[in-house]
Amino acid sequence: MKSQPDPVQKMDRMYRWTRHVYDWTRRYYLFGRDRLIDRIADHSPGDVLEVGCGTARNLRRLHRRAPDHRLYGMDASTQMLDTARRALQRDGVSSQIHLTHGLAADVGPDMFGRTAPFDVVLCSYVLSMIPDHDTAIRASLQALRPGGTLYIVDFWDQADLPAPVARALQGWLGLFDVHHRPALLDTLLALEDRGTVRLHLETVGPRYAYVAALTRTTTDAAPEGFGATPPAHAGPAPA
């Protein structure tokens, strides 16, 4: 059986060169990020973690909007983290934004030498790159305090775009191992159905992407296999 590629090596190969133009190019198609960052900025000052922080572009914007938040970021790519740290040094905010290396499946306060959970966890266009998104979501919820919120912005199915445009976009995204994963939305709906979270979904553009806010309602995060059997009503988020 062919072994699966190491996720760290895979991310480092993918971003070895593209990290240098990542922020400039992604502004043209990673829509909804700034809407979500501005929403987090309106929260009372708290501890905010971004899973898959990349170049720390989102964290730097959030720091400018809400400097009283305590900000943390982790990423699987050491190459991206190198670019992120250089950006923090350039902006003079290295002591305000804390970065570490790790995988989404292992995220938690202990990655930063903390014991206290986070108030907010953010996943911006990262879960569509993770086949085992259930594990990543479970880890993110476990990293939250009860009443804390997990925010997700990610690609939807582009079903309302002209078919040739949608096919071209999805083919291009596939070059970066980015795929719409219908089971991801099923998982979010299953969490709400089980009472683990309060879920709010809204669209970004004509089914281009979606923003999800999952507020943790219980002291126990979702159990193993929580996304395996979605409820009968699971399906696309309401428009």
Protein backbone atom coordinates (compact mmCIF):
# COMPACT_ATOMS: atom_id res chain seq x y z
CA MET A 1 0.00 0.00 0.00
CA LYS A 2 1.31 3.41 -0.95
CA SER A 3 2.09 5.49 2.13
CA GLN A 4 0.44 8.88 2.57
CA PRO A 5 2.74 11.90 2.10
CA ASP A 6 3.95 13.64 5.23
CA PRO A 7 1.64 16.67 5.65
CA VAL A 8 4.46 18.99 6.73
CA GLN A 9 6.64 18.10 3.75
CA LYS A 10 3.61 18.39 1.48
CA MET A 11 2.77 21.90 2.71
CA ASP A 12 6.40 23.02 2.57
CA ARG A 13 6.72 21.84 -1.03
CA MET A 14 3.48 23.56 -1.98
CA TYR A 15 4.41 26.91 -0.44
CA ARG A 16 8.17 26.97 -0.89
CA TRP A 17 7.88 29.56 -3.65
CA THR A 18 4.23 30.63 -3.68
CA ARG A 19 4.48 32.00 -0.13
CA HIS A 20 6.32 35.00 -1.56
CA VAL A 21 3.28 36.02 -3.62
CA TYR A 22 0.58 34.38 -1.49
CA ASP A 23 -0.97 37.51 0.02
CA TRP A 24 -0.94 39.39 -3.26
CA THR A 25 -2.63 36.60 -5.24
CA ARG A 26 -5.12 35.29 -2.67
CA ARG A 27 -6.88 38.60 -2.24
CA TYR A 28 -8.50 37.96 -5.61
CA TYR A 29 -10.37 34.81 -4.59
CA LEU A 30 -10.28 34.19 -0.82
CA PHE A 31 -13.40 36.27 -0.27
CA GLY A 32 -15.10 36.74 3.09
CA ARG A 33 -11.91 36.78 5.18
CA ASP A 34 -12.04 40.46 6.02
CA ARG A 35 -15.76 40.32 6.86
CA LEU A 36 -14.96 37.61 9.38
CA ILE A 37 -11.88 39.35 10.79
CA ASP A 38 -13.88 42.53 11.33
CA ARG A 39 -16.53 40.50 13.15
CA ILE A 40 -13.92 38.97 15.46
CA ALA A 41 -12.49 42.44 16.06
CA ASP A 42 -15.86 43.48 17.50
CA HIS A 43 -15.63 40.79 20.21
CA SER A 44 -14.58 41.81 23.71
CA PRO A 45 -10.79 41.49 24.11
CA GLY A 46 -9.86 37.83 24.35
CA ASP A 47 -7.59 35.01 23.20
CA VAL A 48 -7.87 34.30 19.47
CA LEU A 49 -6.22 31.39 17.63
CA GLU A 50 -5.96 31.03 13.87
CA VAL A 51 -5.53 27.46 12.63
CA GLY A 52 -3.53 27.48 9.39
CA CYS A 53 -2.39 31.07 9.79
CA GLY A 54 -0.11 30.97 6.75
CA THR A 55 1.67 34.31 6.30
CA ALA A 56 -0.17 35.74 9.36
CA ARG A 57 -1.98 38.13 7.04
CA ASN A 58 -5.29 37.69 8.89
CA LEU A 59 -3.70 38.00 12.33
CA ARG A 60 -1.88 41.18 11.36
CA ARG A 61 -5.12 42.72 10.08
CA LEU A 62 -6.93 41.67 13.25
CA HIS A 63 -4.19 43.21 15.40
CA ARG A 64 -4.57 46.52 13.58
CA ARG A 65 -8.35 46.42 14.08
CA ALA A 66 -8.37 45.14 17.66
CA PRO A 67 -4.97 45.50 19.36
CA ASP A 68 -6.37 44.39 22.74
CA HIS A 69 -6.97 40.85 21.49
CA ARG A 70 -4.27 38.32 22.37
CA LEU A 71 -3.40 36.60 19.11
CA TYR A 72 -2.00 33.15 18.33
CA GLY A 73 -1.37 31.34 15.07
CA MET A 74 -0.25 27.87 14.00
CA ASP A 75 0.51 26.34 10.63
CA ALA A 76 1.71 23.03 9.22
CA SER A 77 4.18 24.70 6.84
CA THR A 78 7.51 25.80 8.25
CA GLN A 79 8.02 27.78 5.04
CA MET A 80 4.86 29.79 5.62
CA LEU A 81 5.77 30.37 9.26
CA ASP A 82 9.15 31.74 8.19
CA THR A 83 7.37 34.25 5.94
CA ALA A 84 4.91 35.04 8.74
CA ARG A 85 7.64 35.74 11.29
CA ARG A 86 9.41 38.04 8.85
CA ALA A 87 6.15 39.93 8.34
CA LEU A 88 5.62 40.29 12.08
CA GLN A 89 9.14 41.61 12.51
CA ARG A 90 8.62 44.06 9.67
CA ASP A 91 5.40 45.31 11.31
CA GLY A 92 7.00 45.43 14.76
CA VAL A 93 4.39 43.08 16.29
CA SER A 94 6.43 39.94 16.97
CA SER A 95 5.73 40.20 20.70
CA GLN A 96 1.98 40.67 20.18
CA ILE A 97 1.27 37.74 17.83
CA HIS A 98 2.51 34.30 18.91
CA LEU A 99 3.20 31.66 16.26
CA THR A 100 3.99 27.95 16.43
CA HIS A 101 4.33 24.98 14.12
CA GLY A 102 1.81 22.12 14.20
CA LEU A 103 -1.05 20.26 12.56
CA ALA A 104 -4.74 21.18 12.77
CA ALA A 105 -5.52 17.76 14.26
CA ASP A 106 -3.27 18.52 17.25
CA VAL A 107 -4.27 22.12 17.95
CA GLY A 108 -4.69 23.15 21.57
CA PRO A 109 -3.57 25.68 24.18
CA ASP A 110 -0.60 23.51 25.13
CA MET A 111 0.99 24.27 21.74
CA PHE A 112 1.71 27.71 23.16
CA GLY A 113 2.53 26.61 26.70
CA ARG A 114 -0.95 27.59 27.87
CA THR A 115 -3.58 25.82 29.92
CA ALA A 116 -6.48 28.23 29.41
CA PRO A 117 -8.68 27.61 26.36
CA PHE A 118 -9.27 30.18 23.64
CA ASP A 119 -12.23 32.50 23.24
CA VAL A 120 -12.17 32.34 19.44
CA VAL A 121 -10.68 29.89 16.93
CA LEU A 122 -10.52 30.86 13.26
CA CYS A 123 -10.16 28.55 10.23
CA SER A 124 -9.84 30.60 7.05
CA TYR A 125 -9.85 28.54 3.84
CA VAL A 126 -7.92 25.75 5.53
CA LEU A 127 -10.41 22.91 6.12
CA SER A 128 -10.93 22.45 2.37
CA MET A 129 -7.29 21.30 2.28
CA ILE A 130 -7.68 18.74 5.08
CA PRO A 131 -9.33 15.40 4.14
CA ASP A 132 -9.88 14.50 7.83
CA HIS A 133 -11.68 17.72 8.65
CA ASP A 134 -13.67 16.02 11.44
CA THR A 135 -10.52 15.63 13.53
CA ALA A 136 -9.47 19.23 12.88
CA ILE A 137 -12.90 20.56 13.88
CA ARG A 138 -12.98 18.42 17.02
CA ALA A 139 -9.54 19.68 18.06
CA SER A 140 -10.58 23.28 17.45
CA LEU A 141 -13.73 22.88 19.54
CA GLN A 142 -11.75 21.25 22.34
CA ALA A 143 -9.42 24.24 22.28
CA LEU A 144 -12.37 26.58 22.96
CA ARG A 145 -13.88 27.54 26.27
CA PRO A 146 -17.62 26.78 26.60
CA GLY A 147 -19.35 29.75 25.01
CA GLY A 148 -16.38 30.36 22.71
CA THR A 149 -16.81 30.48 18.95
CA LEU A 150 -15.18 28.60 16.09
CA TYR A 151 -15.35 30.66 12.89
CA ILE A 152 -14.92 29.01 9.49
CA VAL A 153 -14.77 30.64 6.08
CA ASP A 154 -14.27 28.23 3.19
CA PHE A 155 -15.26 27.33 -0.34
CA TRP A 156 -18.80 26.22 -1.12
CA ASP A 157 -19.80 24.37 -4.30
CA GLN A 158 -20.12 27.40 -6.66
CA ALA A 159 -23.41 25.88 -7.84
CA ASP A 160 -24.87 29.32 -8.68
CA LEU A 161 -21.93 30.34 -10.86
CA PRO A 162 -22.00 29.67 -14.62
CA ALA A 163 -20.97 26.03 -15.03
CA PRO A 164 -17.82 26.73 -17.12
CA VAL A 165 -16.64 29.29 -14.56
CA ALA A 166 -17.26 26.90 -11.66
CA ARG A 167 -15.41 24.06 -13.41
CA ALA A 168 -12.45 26.28 -14.24
CA LEU A 169 -12.25 27.60 -10.69
CA GLN A 170 -12.47 24.15 -9.12
CA GLY A 171 -9.87 22.75 -11.49
CA TRP A 172 -7.48 25.55 -10.68
CA LEU A 173 -8.01 25.21 -6.92
CA GLY A 174 -7.38 21.48 -7.25
CA LEU A 175 -3.81 22.26 -8.29
CA PHE A 176 -3.32 23.45 -4.71
CA ASP A 177 -5.13 20.43 -3.25
CA VAL A 178 -8.13 22.62 -2.39
CA HIS A 179 -11.50 20.91 -2.83
CA HIS A 180 -15.08 21.61 -1.85
CA ARG A 181 -15.92 18.94 0.71
CA PRO A 182 -19.71 18.48 1.07
CA ALA A 183 -19.14 16.31 4.15
CA LEU A 184 -17.72 19.35 5.93
CA LEU A 185 -21.08 21.12 5.94
CA ASP A 186 -22.74 17.84 6.96
CA THR A 187 -20.39 17.74 9.94
CA LEU A 188 -21.29 21.28 11.01
CA LEU A 189 -25.01 20.51 10.79
CA ALA A 190 -24.51 17.27 12.71
CA LEU A 191 -22.80 19.18 15.52
CA GLU A 192 -25.78 21.52 15.78
CA ASP A 193 -28.20 18.59 15.68
CA ARG A 194 -26.41 16.98 18.62
CA GLY A 195 -26.50 20.20 20.63
CA THR A 196 -22.72 20.54 20.72
CA VAL A 197 -22.81 23.97 19.09
CA ARG A 198 -25.11 26.76 18.03
CA LEU A 199 -24.53 27.16 14.30
CA HIS A 200 -24.99 30.21 12.11
CA LEU A 201 -24.31 29.96 8.36
CA GLU A 202 -24.23 32.68 5.73
CA THR A 203 -23.14 32.80 2.12
CA VAL A 204 -20.28 34.67 0.49
CA GLY A 205 -21.31 35.49 -3.05
CA PRO A 206 -23.47 33.12 -5.17
CA ARG A 207 -22.58 29.94 -3.25
CA TYR A 208 -18.94 30.83 -3.82
CA ALA A 209 -18.03 30.37 -0.16
CA TYR A 210 -19.68 30.36 3.24
CA VAL A 211 -19.03 31.71 6.72
CA ALA A 212 -19.93 29.47 9.67
CA ALA A 213 -19.97 30.45 13.32
CA LEU A 214 -20.09 27.55 15.79
CA THR A 215 -20.57 28.62 19.39
CA ARG A 216 -19.64 25.83 21.78
CA THR A 217 -22.58 25.09 24.06
CA THR A 218 -21.31 22.14 26.13
CA THR A 219 -18.36 21.45 28.39
CA ASP A 220 -17.58 18.31 26.37
CA ALA A 221 -16.42 18.67 22.78
CA ALA A 222 -17.80 16.36 20.12
CA PRO A 223 -16.90 12.68 20.56
CA GLU A 224 -14.88 10.54 18.18
CA GLY A 225 -16.72 9.91 14.93
CA PHE A 226 -19.18 12.73 15.48
CA GLY A 227 -19.32 13.51 11.73
CA ALA A 228 -19.70 9.95 10.53
CA THR A 229 -23.51 9.88 10.39
CA PRO A 230 -25.00 13.26 9.51
CA PRO A 231 -28.64 13.91 10.45
CA ALA A 232 -31.39 13.51 7.91
CA HIS A 233 -31.61 17.27 7.30
CA ALA A 234 -27.88 17.64 6.60
CA GLY A 235 -27.11 19.20 3.26
CA PRO A 236 -26.19 22.56 1.73
CA ALA A 237 -26.38 25.55 4.02
CA PRO A 238 -29.44 27.75 3.54
CA ALA A 239 -28.96 30.55 1.04
